[in-house]
Amino acid sequence: MPGEYIVDDRTWIVKSHHPMIIPHQLKFETDKIILCVRNPVDVFTSLASFANTMSHSGQPEYSYQKDYAEWWDWWITLTSKNHSKWFEIMLRHMQAEG
């Protein structure tokens, strides 16, 4: 996308998946953080669809909850724990660096 990888004084807003480490991501300093978060219930299903179709818009032809209930329970537990860790890290970093 135009403007990606520009992290100097011209840039006012930078998208990040912090604290996830993405290869070749440029480091930058910031004075402010705006944290915008999607509803985790939506994120869990969306991430499951991305992981299973490798597409941001693709949807499987089956229901996770109905057709793969055991997998869905595992997925929700795993993803909930990861999101909890993410929020804890973000809040700690904002407090320590703010």
PDB file of N, CA and C in Angstrom:
ATOM      1  N   MET A   1       0.834  -1.178   0.000  1.00  0.00           N
ATOM      2  CA  MET A   1       0.000   0.000   0.000  1.00  0.00           C
ATOM      3  C   MET A   1       0.882   1.246   0.000  1.00  0.00           C
ATOM      4  N   PRO A   2       0.426   2.309  -0.648  1.00  0.00           N
ATOM      5  CA  PRO A   2       1.216   3.543  -0.646  1.00  0.00           C
ATOM      6  C   PRO A   2       1.456   4.021   0.792  1.00  0.00           C
ATOM      7  N   GLY A   3       2.679   4.397   1.057  1.00  0.00           N
ATOM      8  CA  GLY A   3       2.998   4.912   2.380  1.00  0.00           C
ATOM      9  C   GLY A   3       3.492   3.877   3.366  1.00  0.00           C
ATOM     10  N   GLU A   4       3.310   2.603   3.065  1.00  0.00           N
ATOM     11  CA  GLU A   4       3.821   1.585   3.983  1.00  0.00           C
ATOM     12  C   GLU A   4       5.339   1.662   4.001  1.00  0.00           C
ATOM     13  N   TYR A   5       5.902   1.389   5.123  1.00  0.00           N
ATOM     14  CA  TYR A   5       7.343   1.407   5.340  1.00  0.00           C
ATOM     15  C   TYR A   5       7.924   2.818   5.360  1.00  0.00           C
ATOM     16  N   ILE A   6       7.072   3.831   5.505  1.00  0.00           N
ATOM     17  CA  ILE A   6       7.565   5.187   5.762  1.00  0.00           C
ATOM     18  C   ILE A   6       7.344   5.440   7.242  1.00  0.00           C
ATOM     19  N   VAL A   7       8.411   5.566   7.978  1.00  0.00           N
ATOM     20  CA  VAL A   7       8.298   5.721   9.434  1.00  0.00           C
ATOM     21  C   VAL A   7       9.128   6.900   9.932  1.00  0.00           C
ATOM     22  N   ASP A   8       9.168   7.952   9.123  1.00  0.00           N
ATOM     23  CA  ASP A   8       9.894   9.144   9.544  1.00  0.00           C
ATOM     24  C   ASP A   8       8.886  10.235   9.932  1.00  0.00           C
ATOM     25  N   ASP A   9       9.311  11.494   9.972  1.00  0.00           N
ATOM     26  CA  ASP A   9       8.453  12.592  10.422  1.00  0.00           C
ATOM     27  C   ASP A   9       7.263  12.869   9.503  1.00  0.00           C
ATOM     28  N   ARG A  10       7.248  12.313   8.310  1.00  0.00           N
ATOM     29  CA  ARG A  10       6.101  12.495   7.408  1.00  0.00           C
ATOM     30  C   ARG A  10       4.904  11.670   7.848  1.00  0.00           C
ATOM     31  N   THR A  11       5.136  10.684   8.680  1.00  0.00           N
ATOM     32  CA  THR A  11       4.102   9.715   9.033  1.00  0.00           C
ATOM     33  C   THR A  11       3.437  10.080  10.350  1.00  0.00           C
ATOM     34  N   TRP A  12       2.129  10.165  10.328  1.00  0.00           N
ATOM     35  CA  TRP A  12       1.370  10.456  11.544  1.00  0.00           C
ATOM     36  C   TRP A  12       0.766   9.199  12.139  1.00  0.00           C
ATOM     37  N   ILE A  13       0.417   8.231  11.301  1.00  0.00           N
ATOM     38  CA  ILE A  13      -0.212   7.003  11.788  1.00  0.00           C
ATOM     39  C   ILE A  13       0.516   5.807  11.176  1.00  0.00           C
ATOM     40  N   VAL A  14       0.856   4.845  12.011  1.00  0.00           N
ATOM     41  CA  VAL A  14       1.514   3.623  11.567  1.00  0.00           C
ATOM     42  C   VAL A  14       0.702   2.439  12.078  1.00  0.00           C
ATOM     43  N   LYS A  15       0.359   1.548  11.186  1.00  0.00           N
ATOM     44  CA  LYS A  15      -0.348   0.320  11.569  1.00  0.00           C
ATOM     45  C   LYS A  15       0.676  -0.670  12.109  1.00  0.00           C
ATOM     46  N   SER A  16       0.293  -1.372  13.156  1.00  0.00           N
ATOM     47  CA  SER A  16       1.212  -2.328  13.761  1.00  0.00           C
ATOM     48  C   SER A  16       0.452  -3.545  14.246  1.00  0.00           C
ATOM     49  N   HIS A  17       1.120  -4.673  14.296  1.00  0.00           N
ATOM     50  CA  HIS A  17       0.594  -5.869  14.939  1.00  0.00           C
ATOM     51  C   HIS A  17       1.358  -6.125  16.235  1.00  0.00           C
ATOM     52  N   HIS A  18       1.922  -5.064  16.793  1.00  0.00           N
ATOM     53  CA  HIS A  18       2.714  -5.163  18.025  1.00  0.00           C
ATOM     54  C   HIS A  18       1.932  -5.944  19.084  1.00  0.00           C
ATOM     55  N   PRO A  19       2.555  -6.854  19.798  1.00  0.00           N
ATOM     56  CA  PRO A  19       3.973  -7.184  19.878  1.00  0.00           C
ATOM     57  C   PRO A  19       4.409  -8.310  18.935  1.00  0.00           C
ATOM     58  N   MET A  20       3.549  -8.680  17.981  1.00  0.00           N
ATOM     59  CA  MET A  20       3.936  -9.721  17.034  1.00  0.00           C
ATOM     60  C   MET A  20       5.098  -9.229  16.191  1.00  0.00           C
ATOM     61  N   ILE A  21       6.091 -10.052  16.020  1.00  0.00           N
ATOM     62  CA  ILE A  21       7.268  -9.678  15.241  1.00  0.00           C
ATOM     63  C   ILE A  21       7.042 -10.124  13.791  1.00  0.00           C
ATOM     64  N   ILE A  22       7.090  -9.159  12.907  1.00  0.00           N
ATOM     65  CA  ILE A  22       6.915  -9.422  11.485  1.00  0.00           C
ATOM     66  C   ILE A  22       8.267  -9.204  10.816  1.00  0.00           C
ATOM     67  N   PRO A  23       8.746 -10.170  10.025  1.00  0.00           N
ATOM     68  CA  PRO A  23      10.058 -10.015   9.389  1.00  0.00           C
ATOM     69  C   PRO A  23      10.132  -8.734   8.554  1.00  0.00           C
ATOM     70  N   HIS A  24      11.257  -8.071   8.613  1.00  0.00           N
ATOM     71  CA  HIS A  24      11.567  -6.867   7.828  1.00  0.00           C
ATOM     72  C   HIS A  24      10.731  -5.656   8.222  1.00  0.00           C
ATOM     73  N   GLN A  25      10.035  -5.714   9.346  1.00  0.00           N
ATOM     74  CA  GLN A  25       9.261  -4.564   9.805  1.00  0.00           C
ATOM     75  C   GLN A  25      10.216  -3.497  10.317  1.00  0.00           C
ATOM     76  N   LEU A  26       9.997  -2.256   9.906  1.00  0.00           N
ATOM     77  CA  LEU A  26      10.864  -1.166  10.328  1.00  0.00           C
ATOM     78  C   LEU A  26      10.531  -0.728  11.745  1.00  0.00           C
ATOM     79  N   LYS A  27      11.546  -0.428  12.531  1.00  0.00           N
ATOM     80  CA  LYS A  27      11.342   0.089  13.879  1.00  0.00           C
ATOM     81  C   LYS A  27      11.100   1.587  13.807  1.00  0.00           C
ATOM     82  N   PHE A  28      10.325   2.095  14.753  1.00  0.00           N
ATOM     83  CA  PHE A  28      10.050   3.521  14.788  1.00  0.00           C
ATOM     84  C   PHE A  28       9.761   3.946  16.222  1.00  0.00           C
ATOM     85  N   GLU A  29       9.946   5.232  16.474  1.00  0.00           N
ATOM     86  CA  GLU A  29       9.645   5.822  17.778  1.00  0.00           C
ATOM     87  C   GLU A  29       8.291   6.513  17.679  1.00  0.00           C
ATOM     88  N   THR A  30       7.594   6.587  18.801  1.00  0.00           N
ATOM     89  CA  THR A  30       6.288   7.228  18.797  1.00  0.00           C
ATOM     90  C   THR A  30       6.074   8.028  20.073  1.00  0.00           C
ATOM     91  N   ASP A  31       5.243   9.050  19.974  1.00  0.00           N
ATOM     92  CA  ASP A  31       4.870   9.847  21.139  1.00  0.00           C
ATOM     93  C   ASP A  31       3.492   9.462  21.659  1.00  0.00           C
ATOM     94  N   LYS A  32       2.650   8.952  20.799  1.00  0.00           N
ATOM     95  CA  LYS A  32       1.278   8.601  21.157  1.00  0.00           C
ATOM     96  C   LYS A  32       0.925   7.244  20.569  1.00  0.00           C
ATOM     97  N   ILE A  33      -0.018   6.571  21.237  1.00  0.00           N
ATOM     98  CA  ILE A  33      -0.533   5.302  20.735  1.00  0.00           C
ATOM     99  C   ILE A  33      -2.047   5.390  20.706  1.00  0.00           C
ATOM    100  N   ILE A  34      -2.624   5.019  19.586  1.00  0.00           N
ATOM    101  CA  ILE A  34      -4.069   4.869  19.485  1.00  0.00           C
ATOM    102  C   ILE A  34      -4.312   3.376  19.328  1.00  0.00           C
ATOM    103  N   LEU A  35      -5.004   2.800  20.266  1.00  0.00           N
ATOM    104  CA  LEU A  35      -5.253   1.362  20.236  1.00  0.00           C
ATOM    105  C   LEU A  35      -6.673   1.130  19.750  1.00  0.00           C
ATOM    106  N   CYS A  36      -6.797   0.535  18.590  1.00  0.00           N
ATOM    107  CA  CYS A  36      -8.091   0.232  17.990  1.00  0.00           C
ATOM    108  C   CYS A  36      -8.199  -1.287  17.909  1.00  0.00           C
ATOM    109  N   VAL A  37      -9.208  -1.842  18.534  1.00  0.00           N
ATOM    110  CA  VAL A  37      -9.315  -3.292  18.648  1.00  0.00           C
ATOM    111  C   VAL A  37     -10.683  -3.759  18.167  1.00  0.00           C
ATOM    112  N   ARG A  38     -10.683  -4.793  17.349  1.00  0.00           N
ATOM    113  CA  ARG A  38     -11.943  -5.411  16.927  1.00  0.00           C
ATOM    114  C   ARG A  38     -12.513  -6.259  18.059  1.00  0.00           C
ATOM    115  N   ASN A  39     -13.792  -6.527  17.974  1.00  0.00           N
ATOM    116  CA  ASN A  39     -14.455  -7.404  18.933  1.00  0.00           C
ATOM    117  C   ASN A  39     -13.787  -8.784  18.861  1.00  0.00           C
ATOM    118  N   PRO A  40     -13.264  -9.282  19.991  1.00  0.00           N
ATOM    119  CA  PRO A  40     -12.577 -10.589  19.963  1.00  0.00           C
ATOM    120  C   PRO A  40     -13.444 -11.723  19.426  1.00  0.00           C
ATOM    121  N   VAL A  41     -14.744 -11.689  19.642  1.00  0.00           N
ATOM    122  CA  VAL A  41     -15.612 -12.756  19.117  1.00  0.00           C
ATOM    123  C   VAL A  41     -15.532 -12.784  17.594  1.00  0.00           C
ATOM    124  N   ASP A  42     -15.516 -11.621  16.971  1.00  0.00           N
ATOM    125  CA  ASP A  42     -15.375 -11.531  15.524  1.00  0.00           C
ATOM    126  C   ASP A  42     -13.978 -11.957  15.090  1.00  0.00           C
ATOM    127  N   VAL A  43     -12.962 -11.545  15.851  1.00  0.00           N
ATOM    128  CA  VAL A  43     -11.572 -11.853  15.512  1.00  0.00           C
ATOM    129  C   VAL A  43     -11.324 -13.360  15.537  1.00  0.00           C
ATOM    130  N   PHE A  44     -11.864 -14.061  16.513  1.00  0.00           N
ATOM    131  CA  PHE A  44     -11.613 -15.506  16.636  1.00  0.00           C
ATOM    132  C   PHE A  44     -12.099 -16.247  15.395  1.00  0.00           C
ATOM    133  N   THR A  45     -13.299 -15.907  14.925  1.00  0.00           N
ATOM    134  CA  THR A  45     -13.845 -16.560  13.730  1.00  0.00           C
ATOM    135  C   THR A  45     -13.083 -16.130  12.488  1.00  0.00           C
ATOM    136  N   SER A  46     -12.784 -14.831  12.385  1.00  0.00           N
ATOM    137  CA  SER A  46     -12.060 -14.320  11.231  1.00  0.00           C
ATOM    138  C   SER A  46     -10.672 -14.947  11.119  1.00  0.00           C
ATOM    139  N   LEU A  47      -9.960 -15.035  12.243  1.00  0.00           N
ATOM    140  CA  LEU A  47      -8.623 -15.633  12.226  1.00  0.00           C
ATOM    141  C   LEU A  47      -8.695 -17.124  11.892  1.00  0.00           C
ATOM    142  N   ALA A  48      -9.713 -17.811  12.388  1.00  0.00           N
ATOM    143  CA  ALA A  48      -9.891 -19.233  12.048  1.00  0.00           C
ATOM    144  C   ALA A  48     -10.101 -19.392  10.549  1.00  0.00           C
ATOM    145  N   SER A  49     -10.909 -18.521   9.959  1.00  0.00           N
ATOM    146  CA  SER A  49     -11.153 -18.601   8.517  1.00  0.00           C
ATOM    147  C   SER A  49      -9.885 -18.296   7.732  1.00  0.00           C
ATOM    148  N   PHE A  50      -9.118 -17.306   8.178  1.00  0.00           N
ATOM    149  CA  PHE A  50      -7.859 -16.995   7.497  1.00  0.00           C
ATOM    150  C   PHE A  50      -6.893 -18.176   7.597  1.00  0.00           C
ATOM    151  N   ALA A  51      -6.778 -18.766   8.778  1.00  0.00           N
ATOM    152  CA  ALA A  51      -5.855 -19.892   8.976  1.00  0.00           C
ATOM    153  C   ALA A  51      -6.255 -21.108   8.151  1.00  0.00           C
ATOM    154  N   ASN A  52      -7.536 -21.283   7.934  1.00  0.00           N
ATOM    155  CA  ASN A  52      -8.010 -22.472   7.215  1.00  0.00           C
ATOM    156  C   ASN A  52      -8.190 -22.271   5.721  1.00  0.00           C
ATOM    157  N   THR A  53      -8.270 -21.034   5.257  1.00  0.00           N
ATOM    158  CA  THR A  53      -8.443 -20.783   3.821  1.00  0.00           C
ATOM    159  C   THR A  53      -7.278 -20.016   3.209  1.00  0.00           C
ATOM    160  N   MET A  54      -6.405 -19.424   4.070  1.00  0.00           N
ATOM    161  CA  MET A  54      -5.306 -18.564   3.635  1.00  0.00           C
ATOM    162  C   MET A  54      -5.833 -17.423   2.757  1.00  0.00           C
ATOM    163  N   SER A  55      -6.999 -16.925   3.113  1.00  0.00           N
ATOM    164  CA  SER A  55      -7.622 -15.815   2.404  1.00  0.00           C
ATOM    165  C   SER A  55      -8.284 -14.901   3.431  1.00  0.00           C
ATOM    166  N   HIS A  56      -8.152 -13.585   3.243  1.00  0.00           N
ATOM    167  CA  HIS A  56      -8.798 -12.643   4.154  1.00  0.00           C
ATOM    168  C   HIS A  56     -10.302 -12.594   3.939  1.00  0.00           C
ATOM    169  N   SER A  57     -10.764 -12.984   2.767  1.00  0.00           N
ATOM    170  CA  SER A  57     -12.196 -12.911   2.475  1.00  0.00           C
ATOM    171  C   SER A  57     -12.848 -14.284   2.325  1.00  0.00           C
ATOM    172  N   GLY A  58     -12.056 -15.342   2.241  1.00  0.00           N
ATOM    173  CA  GLY A  58     -12.608 -16.674   2.047  1.00  0.00           C
ATOM    174  C   GLY A  58     -13.284 -17.235   3.290  1.00  0.00           C
ATOM    175  N   GLN A  59     -14.316 -18.007   3.082  1.00  0.00           N
ATOM    176  CA  GLN A  59     -15.027 -18.663   4.169  1.00  0.00           C
ATOM    177  C   GLN A  59     -15.123 -20.156   3.856  1.00  0.00           C
ATOM    178  N   PRO A  60     -14.888 -21.004   4.837  1.00  0.00           N
ATOM    179  CA  PRO A  60     -15.000 -22.449   4.577  1.00  0.00           C
ATOM    180  C   PRO A  60     -16.455 -22.844   4.345  1.00  0.00           C
ATOM    181  N   GLU A  61     -16.642 -23.991   3.754  1.00  0.00           N
ATOM    182  CA  GLU A  61     -17.995 -24.490   3.450  1.00  0.00           C
ATOM    183  C   GLU A  61     -18.575 -25.289   4.610  1.00  0.00           C
ATOM    184  N   TYR A  62     -17.986 -25.180   5.764  1.00  0.00           N
ATOM    185  CA  TYR A  62     -18.444 -25.923   6.941  1.00  0.00           C
ATOM    186  C   TYR A  62     -18.523 -24.981   8.133  1.00  0.00           C
ATOM    187  N   SER A  63     -19.153 -25.448   9.177  1.00  0.00           N
ATOM    188  CA  SER A  63     -19.277 -24.673  10.407  1.00  0.00           C
ATOM    189  C   SER A  63     -18.270 -25.196  11.420  1.00  0.00           C
ATOM    190  N   TYR A  64     -17.427 -24.300  11.921  1.00  0.00           N
ATOM    191  CA  TYR A  64     -16.455 -24.722  12.930  1.00  0.00           C
ATOM    192  C   TYR A  64     -17.169 -25.299  14.150  1.00  0.00           C
ATOM    193  N   GLN A  65     -18.156 -24.559  14.640  1.00  0.00           N
ATOM    194  CA  GLN A  65     -18.842 -24.945  15.875  1.00  0.00           C
ATOM    195  C   GLN A  65     -19.607 -26.251  15.727  1.00  0.00           C
ATOM    196  N   LYS A  66     -20.274 -26.455  14.591  1.00  0.00           N
ATOM    197  CA  LYS A  66     -21.106 -27.641  14.412  1.00  0.00           C
ATOM    198  C   LYS A  66     -20.312 -28.843  13.899  1.00  0.00           C
ATOM    199  N   ASP A  67     -19.522 -28.625  12.856  1.00  0.00           N
ATOM    200  CA  ASP A  67     -18.840 -29.742  12.192  1.00  0.00           C
ATOM    201  C   ASP A  67     -17.514 -30.143  12.844  1.00  0.00           C
ATOM    202  N   TYR A  68     -16.908 -29.207  13.562  1.00  0.00           N
ATOM    203  CA  TYR A  68     -15.614 -29.474  14.193  1.00  0.00           C
ATOM    204  C   TYR A  68     -15.597 -28.899  15.611  1.00  0.00           C
ATOM    205  N   ALA A  69     -16.549 -29.317  16.405  1.00  0.00           N
ATOM    206  CA  ALA A  69     -16.743 -28.756  17.751  1.00  0.00           C
ATOM    207  C   ALA A  69     -15.502 -28.911  18.633  1.00  0.00           C
ATOM    208  N   GLU A  70     -14.840 -30.054  18.577  1.00  0.00           N
ATOM    209  CA  GLU A  70     -13.647 -30.261  19.402  1.00  0.00           C
ATOM    210  C   GLU A  70     -12.526 -29.308  18.986  1.00  0.00           C
ATOM    211  N   TRP A  71     -12.326 -29.183  17.680  1.00  0.00           N
ATOM    212  CA  TRP A  71     -11.319 -28.245  17.192  1.00  0.00           C
ATOM    213  C   TRP A  71     -11.691 -26.833  17.599  1.00  0.00           C
ATOM    214  N   TRP A  72     -12.959 -26.440  17.471  1.00  0.00           N
ATOM    215  CA  TRP A  72     -13.404 -25.095  17.804  1.00  0.00           C
ATOM    216  C   TRP A  72     -13.153 -24.773  19.271  1.00  0.00           C
ATOM    217  N   ASP A  73     -13.421 -25.720  20.156  1.00  0.00           N
ATOM    218  CA  ASP A  73     -13.142 -25.511  21.586  1.00  0.00           C
ATOM    219  C   ASP A  73     -11.645 -25.275  21.810  1.00  0.00           C
ATOM    220  N   TRP A  74     -10.812 -26.070  21.147  1.00  0.00           N
ATOM    221  CA  TRP A  74      -9.362 -25.884  21.260  1.00  0.00           C
ATOM    222  C   TRP A  74      -8.963 -24.500  20.732  1.00  0.00           C
ATOM    223  N   TRP A  75      -9.510 -24.129  19.567  1.00  0.00           N
ATOM    224  CA  TRP A  75      -9.181 -22.859  18.939  1.00  0.00           C
ATOM    225  C   TRP A  75      -9.570 -21.672  19.817  1.00  0.00           C
ATOM    226  N   ILE A  76     -10.763 -21.709  20.383  1.00  0.00           N
ATOM    227  CA  ILE A  76     -11.226 -20.609  21.234  1.00  0.00           C
ATOM    228  C   ILE A  76     -10.341 -20.491  22.469  1.00  0.00           C
ATOM    229  N   THR A  77      -9.976 -21.610  23.083  1.00  0.00           N
ATOM    230  CA  THR A  77      -9.100 -21.582  24.259  1.00  0.00           C
ATOM    231  C   THR A  77      -7.734 -20.986  23.903  1.00  0.00           C
ATOM    232  N   LEU A  78      -7.130 -21.477  22.837  1.00  0.00           N
ATOM    233  CA  LEU A  78      -5.820 -20.989  22.399  1.00  0.00           C
ATOM    234  C   LEU A  78      -5.869 -19.499  22.057  1.00  0.00           C
ATOM    235  N   THR A  79      -6.836 -19.111  21.253  1.00  0.00           N
ATOM    236  CA  THR A  79      -6.924 -17.730  20.798  1.00  0.00           C
ATOM    237  C   THR A  79      -7.246 -16.788  21.955  1.00  0.00           C
ATOM    238  N   SER A  80      -8.074 -17.208  22.877  1.00  0.00           N
ATOM    239  CA  SER A  80      -8.393 -16.386  24.051  1.00  0.00           C
ATOM    240  C   SER A  80      -7.142 -16.127  24.889  1.00  0.00           C
ATOM    241  N   LYS A  81      -6.358 -17.163  25.102  1.00  0.00           N
ATOM    242  CA  LYS A  81      -5.116 -16.995  25.865  1.00  0.00           C
ATOM    243  C   LYS A  81      -4.153 -16.052  25.148  1.00  0.00           C
ATOM    244  N   ASN A  82      -4.025 -16.214  23.832  1.00  0.00           N
ATOM    245  CA  ASN A  82      -3.126 -15.339  23.069  1.00  0.00           C
ATOM    246  C   ASN A  82      -3.590 -13.888  23.092  1.00  0.00           C
ATOM    247  N   HIS A  83      -4.886 -13.667  22.983  1.00  0.00           N
ATOM    248  CA  HIS A  83      -5.406 -12.298  23.037  1.00  0.00           C
ATOM    249  C   HIS A  83      -5.196 -11.693  24.422  1.00  0.00           C
ATOM    250  N   SER A  84      -5.377 -12.487  25.444  1.00  0.00           N
ATOM    251  CA  SER A  84      -5.153 -12.003  26.807  1.00  0.00           C
ATOM    252  C   SER A  84      -3.700 -11.556  26.982  1.00  0.00           C
ATOM    253  N   LYS A  85      -2.765 -12.361  26.465  1.00  0.00           N
ATOM    254  CA  LYS A  85      -1.344 -11.996  26.521  1.00  0.00           C
ATOM    255  C   LYS A  85      -1.085 -10.720  25.731  1.00  0.00           C
ATOM    256  N   TRP A  86      -1.700 -10.594  24.566  1.00  0.00           N
ATOM    257  CA  TRP A  86      -1.518  -9.426  23.725  1.00  0.00           C
ATOM    258  C   TRP A  86      -1.950  -8.163  24.459  1.00  0.00           C
ATOM    259  N   PHE A  87      -3.145  -8.188  25.064  1.00  0.00           N
ATOM    260  CA  PHE A  87      -3.635  -7.020  25.795  1.00  0.00           C
ATOM    261  C   PHE A  87      -2.717  -6.685  26.969  1.00  0.00           C
ATOM    262  N   GLU A  88      -2.255  -7.685  27.676  1.00  0.00           N
ATOM    263  CA  GLU A  88      -1.366  -7.456  28.824  1.00  0.00           C
ATOM    264  C   GLU A  88      -0.077  -6.785  28.361  1.00  0.00           C
ATOM    265  N   ILE A  89       0.502  -7.250  27.278  1.00  0.00           N
ATOM    266  CA  ILE A  89       1.738  -6.670  26.750  1.00  0.00           C
ATOM    267  C   ILE A  89       1.497  -5.242  26.267  1.00  0.00           C
ATOM    268  N   MET A  90       0.416  -5.015  25.525  1.00  0.00           N
ATOM    269  CA  MET A  90       0.121  -3.670  25.034  1.00  0.00           C
ATOM    270  C   MET A  90      -0.054  -2.691  26.189  1.00  0.00           C
ATOM    271  N   LEU A  91      -0.826  -3.055  27.191  1.00  0.00           N
ATOM    272  CA  LEU A  91      -1.051  -2.154  28.322  1.00  0.00           C
ATOM    273  C   LEU A  91       0.244  -1.897  29.093  1.00  0.00           C
ATOM    274  N   ARG A  92       1.045  -2.930  29.283  1.00  0.00           N
ATOM    275  CA  ARG A  92       2.325  -2.760  29.985  1.00  0.00           C
ATOM    276  C   ARG A  92       3.252  -1.836  29.205  1.00  0.00           C
ATOM    277  N   HIS A  93       3.338  -2.025  27.905  1.00  0.00           N
ATOM    278  CA  HIS A  93       4.204  -1.179  27.085  1.00  0.00           C
ATOM    279  C   HIS A  93       3.711   0.261  27.066  1.00  0.00           C
ATOM    280  N   MET A  94       2.413   0.447  26.984  1.00  0.00           N
ATOM    281  CA  MET A  94       1.889   1.814  26.983  1.00  0.00           C
ATOM    282  C   MET A  94       2.151   2.503  28.317  1.00  0.00           C
ATOM    283  N   GLN A  95       2.038   1.789  29.419  1.00  0.00           N
ATOM    284  CA  GLN A  95       2.290   2.372  30.732  1.00  0.00           C
ATOM    285  C   GLN A  95       3.778   2.664  30.935  1.00  0.00           C
ATOM    286  N   ALA A  96       4.634   1.728  30.536  1.00  0.00           N
ATOM    287  CA  ALA A  96       6.077   1.874  30.740  1.00  0.00           C
ATOM    288  C   ALA A  96       6.667   2.959  29.834  1.00  0.00           C
ATOM    289  N   GLU A  97       6.136   3.062  28.627  1.00  0.00           N
ATOM    290  CA  GLU A  97       6.697   4.000  27.665  1.00  0.00           C
ATOM    291  C   GLU A  97       5.933   5.315  27.627  1.00  0.00           C
ATOM    292  N   GLY A  98       4.793   5.372  28.309  1.00  0.00           N
ATOM    293  CA  GLY A  98       3.949   6.577  28.262  1.00  0.00           C
ATOM    294  C   GLY A  98       4.263   7.459  29.359  1.00  0.00           C
TER     295      GLY A  98
END
